[in-house]
Amino acid sequence: MRIPFAISVMALPWLALAQSAPVAANATAKARPVYQSSFAAFRAFKDEPVGIWRDLNETVRKAGGWSVYAREASQAAPMQDMSHAGTAK
């Protein structure tokens, strides 16, 4: 019983090759892909200058405080209507 199983396991790669699609004649004539590194446009981390926190807090206070920033954020991106979420059409 072991010999037929071993033969069938060894035959599997050959069966896969026999069933593959034939290679087209013009497949080898395709242009080679151009290599483009994903690091080509990489910019190294750069520390931003840190301001004096008391001056920054004063600037925020003069603008109206954190609630002004929260109001601006809520007006800039209105909530989407999610009542239809999860329903199939």
N, C-alpha and C. Protein backbone atom coordinates (compact mmCIF):
# COMPACT_ATOMS: atom_id res chain seq x y z
N MET A 1 0.82 -1.19 0.00
CA MET A 1 0.00 0.00 0.00
C MET A 1 0.87 1.26 0.00
N ARG A 2 2.06 1.18 0.54
CA ARG A 2 2.91 2.35 0.62
C ARG A 2 3.51 2.72 -0.73
N ILE A 3 3.83 1.78 -1.54
CA ILE A 3 4.47 2.08 -2.82
C ILE A 3 3.55 2.87 -3.75
N PRO A 4 2.29 2.52 -3.95
CA PRO A 4 1.43 3.32 -4.81
C PRO A 4 1.25 4.75 -4.29
N PHE A 5 1.18 4.92 -2.98
CA PHE A 5 1.05 6.26 -2.43
C PHE A 5 2.29 7.10 -2.72
N ALA A 6 3.46 6.50 -2.56
CA ALA A 6 4.71 7.22 -2.83
C ALA A 6 4.81 7.58 -4.30
N ILE A 7 4.39 6.70 -5.17
CA ILE A 7 4.43 7.00 -6.60
C ILE A 7 3.47 8.13 -6.94
N SER A 8 2.29 8.12 -6.35
CA SER A 8 1.32 9.18 -6.64
C SER A 8 1.81 10.53 -6.12
N VAL A 9 2.47 10.55 -4.99
CA VAL A 9 3.00 11.80 -4.45
C VAL A 9 4.10 12.33 -5.35
N MET A 10 4.94 11.43 -5.87
CA MET A 10 6.03 11.86 -6.75
C MET A 10 5.49 12.30 -8.12
N ALA A 11 4.33 11.83 -8.51
CA ALA A 11 3.77 12.17 -9.81
C ALA A 11 3.01 13.50 -9.79
N LEU A 12 2.66 14.01 -8.63
CA LEU A 12 1.88 15.25 -8.55
C LEU A 12 2.54 16.43 -9.25
N PRO A 13 3.83 16.70 -9.07
CA PRO A 13 4.42 17.83 -9.79
C PRO A 13 4.34 17.67 -11.31
N TRP A 14 4.49 16.44 -11.79
CA TRP A 14 4.44 16.22 -13.24
C TRP A 14 3.02 16.44 -13.76
N LEU A 15 2.02 16.08 -12.98
CA LEU A 15 0.65 16.30 -13.40
C LEU A 15 0.33 17.79 -13.46
N ALA A 16 0.87 18.54 -12.53
CA ALA A 16 0.64 19.97 -12.53
C ALA A 16 1.28 20.61 -13.76
N LEU A 17 2.45 20.16 -14.14
CA LEU A 17 3.10 20.70 -15.34
C LEU A 17 2.34 20.32 -16.60
N ALA A 18 1.80 19.13 -16.62
CA ALA A 18 1.08 18.67 -17.80
C ALA A 18 -0.22 19.45 -18.00
N GLN A 19 -0.79 19.99 -16.94
CA GLN A 19 -2.06 20.70 -17.05
C GLN A 19 -1.90 22.20 -17.22
N SER A 20 -0.69 22.71 -17.16
CA SER A 20 -0.52 24.15 -17.29
C SER A 20 -0.80 24.59 -18.71
N ALA A 21 -1.23 25.84 -18.85
CA ALA A 21 -1.57 26.38 -20.16
C ALA A 21 -0.30 26.57 -20.99
N PRO A 22 -0.39 26.40 -22.29
CA PRO A 22 0.79 26.59 -23.13
C PRO A 22 1.21 28.07 -23.14
N VAL A 23 2.49 28.31 -23.21
CA VAL A 23 3.03 29.66 -23.22
C VAL A 23 2.87 30.23 -24.62
N ALA A 24 2.33 31.44 -24.70
CA ALA A 24 2.16 32.09 -26.00
C ALA A 24 3.52 32.45 -26.58
N ALA A 25 3.59 32.52 -27.90
CA ALA A 25 4.86 32.80 -28.56
C ALA A 25 5.35 34.21 -28.27
N ASN A 26 4.42 35.15 -28.11
CA ASN A 26 4.83 36.53 -27.88
C ASN A 26 5.01 36.85 -26.40
N ALA A 27 4.85 35.89 -25.51
CA ALA A 27 5.00 36.13 -24.08
C ALA A 27 6.43 36.50 -23.73
N THR A 28 7.39 35.96 -24.46
CA THR A 28 8.78 36.28 -24.16
C THR A 28 9.19 37.61 -24.76
N ALA A 29 8.39 38.17 -25.66
CA ALA A 29 8.74 39.42 -26.31
C ALA A 29 8.26 40.64 -25.52
N LYS A 30 7.60 40.45 -24.38
CA LYS A 30 7.11 41.56 -23.59
C LYS A 30 8.29 42.35 -23.02
N ALA A 31 8.06 43.64 -22.84
CA ALA A 31 9.10 44.48 -22.25
C ALA A 31 9.29 44.12 -20.78
N ARG A 32 10.50 44.23 -20.34
CA ARG A 32 10.79 43.93 -18.93
C ARG A 32 10.28 45.07 -18.07
N PRO A 33 9.77 44.76 -16.90
CA PRO A 33 9.26 45.82 -16.02
C PRO A 33 10.42 46.71 -15.55
N VAL A 34 10.10 47.97 -15.37
CA VAL A 34 11.09 48.93 -14.91
C VAL A 34 11.09 48.93 -13.39
N TYR A 35 12.26 48.80 -12.81
CA TYR A 35 12.36 48.80 -11.35
C TYR A 35 12.26 50.22 -10.83
N GLN A 36 11.37 50.42 -9.84
CA GLN A 36 11.24 51.72 -9.20
C GLN A 36 11.22 51.46 -7.70
N SER A 37 12.22 51.96 -7.03
CA SER A 37 12.34 51.75 -5.60
C SER A 37 11.22 52.48 -4.86
N SER A 38 10.69 51.85 -3.83
CA SER A 38 9.67 52.50 -3.02
C SER A 38 10.29 53.57 -2.12
N PHE A 39 11.61 53.59 -2.03
CA PHE A 39 12.29 54.60 -1.24
C PHE A 39 12.76 55.78 -2.06
N ALA A 40 12.40 55.85 -3.34
CA ALA A 40 12.86 56.93 -4.21
C ALA A 40 12.39 58.30 -3.71
N ALA A 41 11.18 58.38 -3.19
CA ALA A 41 10.64 59.66 -2.73
C ALA A 41 10.69 59.79 -1.21
N PHE A 42 11.51 58.98 -0.58
CA PHE A 42 11.60 58.97 0.88
C PHE A 42 12.18 60.28 1.40
N ARG A 43 11.52 60.82 2.41
CA ARG A 43 12.03 62.01 3.08
C ARG A 43 12.31 61.64 4.54
N ALA A 44 13.49 61.90 4.99
CA ALA A 44 13.87 61.56 6.36
C ALA A 44 13.08 62.41 7.36
N PHE A 45 12.90 61.87 8.55
CA PHE A 45 12.19 62.59 9.60
C PHE A 45 12.95 63.86 9.94
N LYS A 46 12.22 64.93 10.11
CA LYS A 46 12.82 66.21 10.44
C LYS A 46 12.06 66.80 11.63
N ASP A 47 12.77 67.07 12.69
CA ASP A 47 12.13 67.67 13.86
C ASP A 47 11.64 69.07 13.54
N GLU A 48 10.43 69.35 13.94
CA GLU A 48 9.87 70.69 13.80
C GLU A 48 10.28 71.50 15.02
N PRO A 49 10.54 72.78 14.84
CA PRO A 49 10.90 73.57 16.02
C PRO A 49 9.70 73.68 16.96
N VAL A 50 9.99 73.53 18.23
CA VAL A 50 8.94 73.57 19.25
C VAL A 50 8.86 74.99 19.77
N GLY A 51 7.64 75.51 19.85
CA GLY A 51 7.44 76.86 20.37
C GLY A 51 7.38 76.87 21.88
N ILE A 52 7.33 78.04 22.43
CA ILE A 52 7.19 78.19 23.88
C ILE A 52 5.73 77.90 24.22
N TRP A 53 5.49 76.95 25.11
CA TRP A 53 4.12 76.48 25.34
C TRP A 53 3.22 77.56 25.89
N ARG A 54 3.75 78.46 26.66
CA ARG A 54 2.90 79.54 27.20
C ARG A 54 2.42 80.45 26.08
N ASP A 55 3.29 80.75 25.12
CA ASP A 55 2.89 81.58 23.98
C ASP A 55 1.86 80.84 23.12
N LEU A 56 2.06 79.55 22.93
CA LEU A 56 1.12 78.77 22.13
C LEU A 56 -0.25 78.71 22.81
N ASN A 57 -0.26 78.52 24.12
CA ASN A 57 -1.54 78.50 24.85
C ASN A 57 -2.23 79.86 24.76
N GLU A 58 -1.47 80.93 24.81
CA GLU A 58 -2.05 82.26 24.70
C GLU A 58 -2.67 82.49 23.33
N THR A 59 -2.02 81.96 22.30
CA THR A 59 -2.56 82.06 20.93
C THR A 59 -3.89 81.33 20.83
N VAL A 60 -3.98 80.18 21.44
CA VAL A 60 -5.23 79.40 21.44
C VAL A 60 -6.30 80.14 22.22
N ARG A 61 -5.94 80.73 23.35
CA ARG A 61 -6.91 81.48 24.15
C ARG A 61 -7.46 82.66 23.38
N LYS A 62 -6.59 83.36 22.65
CA LYS A 62 -7.03 84.52 21.87
C LYS A 62 -7.95 84.10 20.72
N ALA A 63 -7.74 82.91 20.21
CA ALA A 63 -8.58 82.42 19.12
C ALA A 63 -9.95 81.98 19.61
N GLY A 64 -10.08 81.75 20.91
CA GLY A 64 -11.37 81.34 21.45
C GLY A 64 -11.31 80.03 22.20
N GLY A 65 -10.14 79.47 22.32
CA GLY A 65 -9.98 78.24 23.09
C GLY A 65 -10.22 76.98 22.25
N TRP A 66 -10.21 75.86 22.95
CA TRP A 66 -10.34 74.57 22.26
C TRP A 66 -11.69 74.39 21.60
N SER A 67 -12.74 75.04 22.14
CA SER A 67 -14.08 74.86 21.57
C SER A 67 -14.18 75.42 20.15
N VAL A 68 -13.39 76.45 19.85
CA VAL A 68 -13.39 77.00 18.49
C VAL A 68 -12.82 75.97 17.53
N TYR A 69 -11.72 75.31 17.94
CA TYR A 69 -11.13 74.29 17.08
C TYR A 69 -12.07 73.11 16.90
N ALA A 70 -12.79 72.75 17.97
CA ALA A 70 -13.75 71.65 17.87
C ALA A 70 -14.89 72.02 16.93
N ARG A 71 -15.37 73.26 17.01
CA ARG A 71 -16.45 73.71 16.13
C ARG A 71 -15.99 73.73 14.67
N GLU A 72 -14.77 74.20 14.43
CA GLU A 72 -14.23 74.21 13.07
C GLU A 72 -14.14 72.79 12.51
N ALA A 73 -13.70 71.87 13.34
CA ALA A 73 -13.56 70.48 12.88
C ALA A 73 -14.91 69.87 12.56
N SER A 74 -15.94 70.19 13.38
CA SER A 74 -17.26 69.61 13.13
C SER A 74 -17.92 70.23 11.90
N GLN A 75 -17.61 71.48 11.59
CA GLN A 75 -18.19 72.11 10.41
C GLN A 75 -17.46 71.70 9.14
N ALA A 76 -16.18 71.38 9.24
CA ALA A 76 -15.38 71.02 8.07
C ALA A 76 -15.76 69.65 7.54
N ALA A 77 -16.09 68.72 8.42
CA ALA A 77 -16.40 67.36 8.01
C ALA A 77 -17.74 66.96 8.60
N PRO A 78 -18.85 67.27 7.92
CA PRO A 78 -20.16 66.90 8.47
C PRO A 78 -20.32 65.38 8.51
N MET A 79 -21.07 64.92 9.49
CA MET A 79 -21.31 63.49 9.63
C MET A 79 -22.13 62.97 8.46
N GLN A 80 -21.78 61.78 8.02
CA GLN A 80 -22.55 61.15 6.95
C GLN A 80 -23.75 60.43 7.55
N ASP A 81 -24.80 60.32 6.74
CA ASP A 81 -25.98 59.60 7.17
C ASP A 81 -25.67 58.10 7.15
N MET A 82 -25.64 57.48 8.31
CA MET A 82 -25.29 56.07 8.41
C MET A 82 -26.51 55.19 8.62
N SER A 83 -27.74 55.73 8.40
CA SER A 83 -28.95 54.95 8.65
C SER A 83 -29.08 53.77 7.70
N HIS A 84 -28.42 53.84 6.55
CA HIS A 84 -28.51 52.75 5.59
C HIS A 84 -27.38 51.74 5.74
N ALA A 85 -26.48 51.95 6.67
CA ALA A 85 -25.31 51.07 6.83
C ALA A 85 -25.77 49.66 7.20
N GLY A 86 -25.18 48.70 6.51
CA GLY A 86 -25.45 47.30 6.82
C GLY A 86 -26.71 46.74 6.19
N THR A 87 -27.40 47.51 5.40
CA THR A 87 -28.61 46.98 4.76
C THR A 87 -28.29 46.57 3.33
N ALA A 88 -28.83 45.46 2.94
CA ALA A 88 -28.63 44.97 1.58
C ALA A 88 -29.66 45.56 0.65
N LYS A 89 -29.26 45.78 -0.57
CA LYS A 89 -30.20 46.33 -1.56
C LYS A 89 -30.69 45.25 -2.48
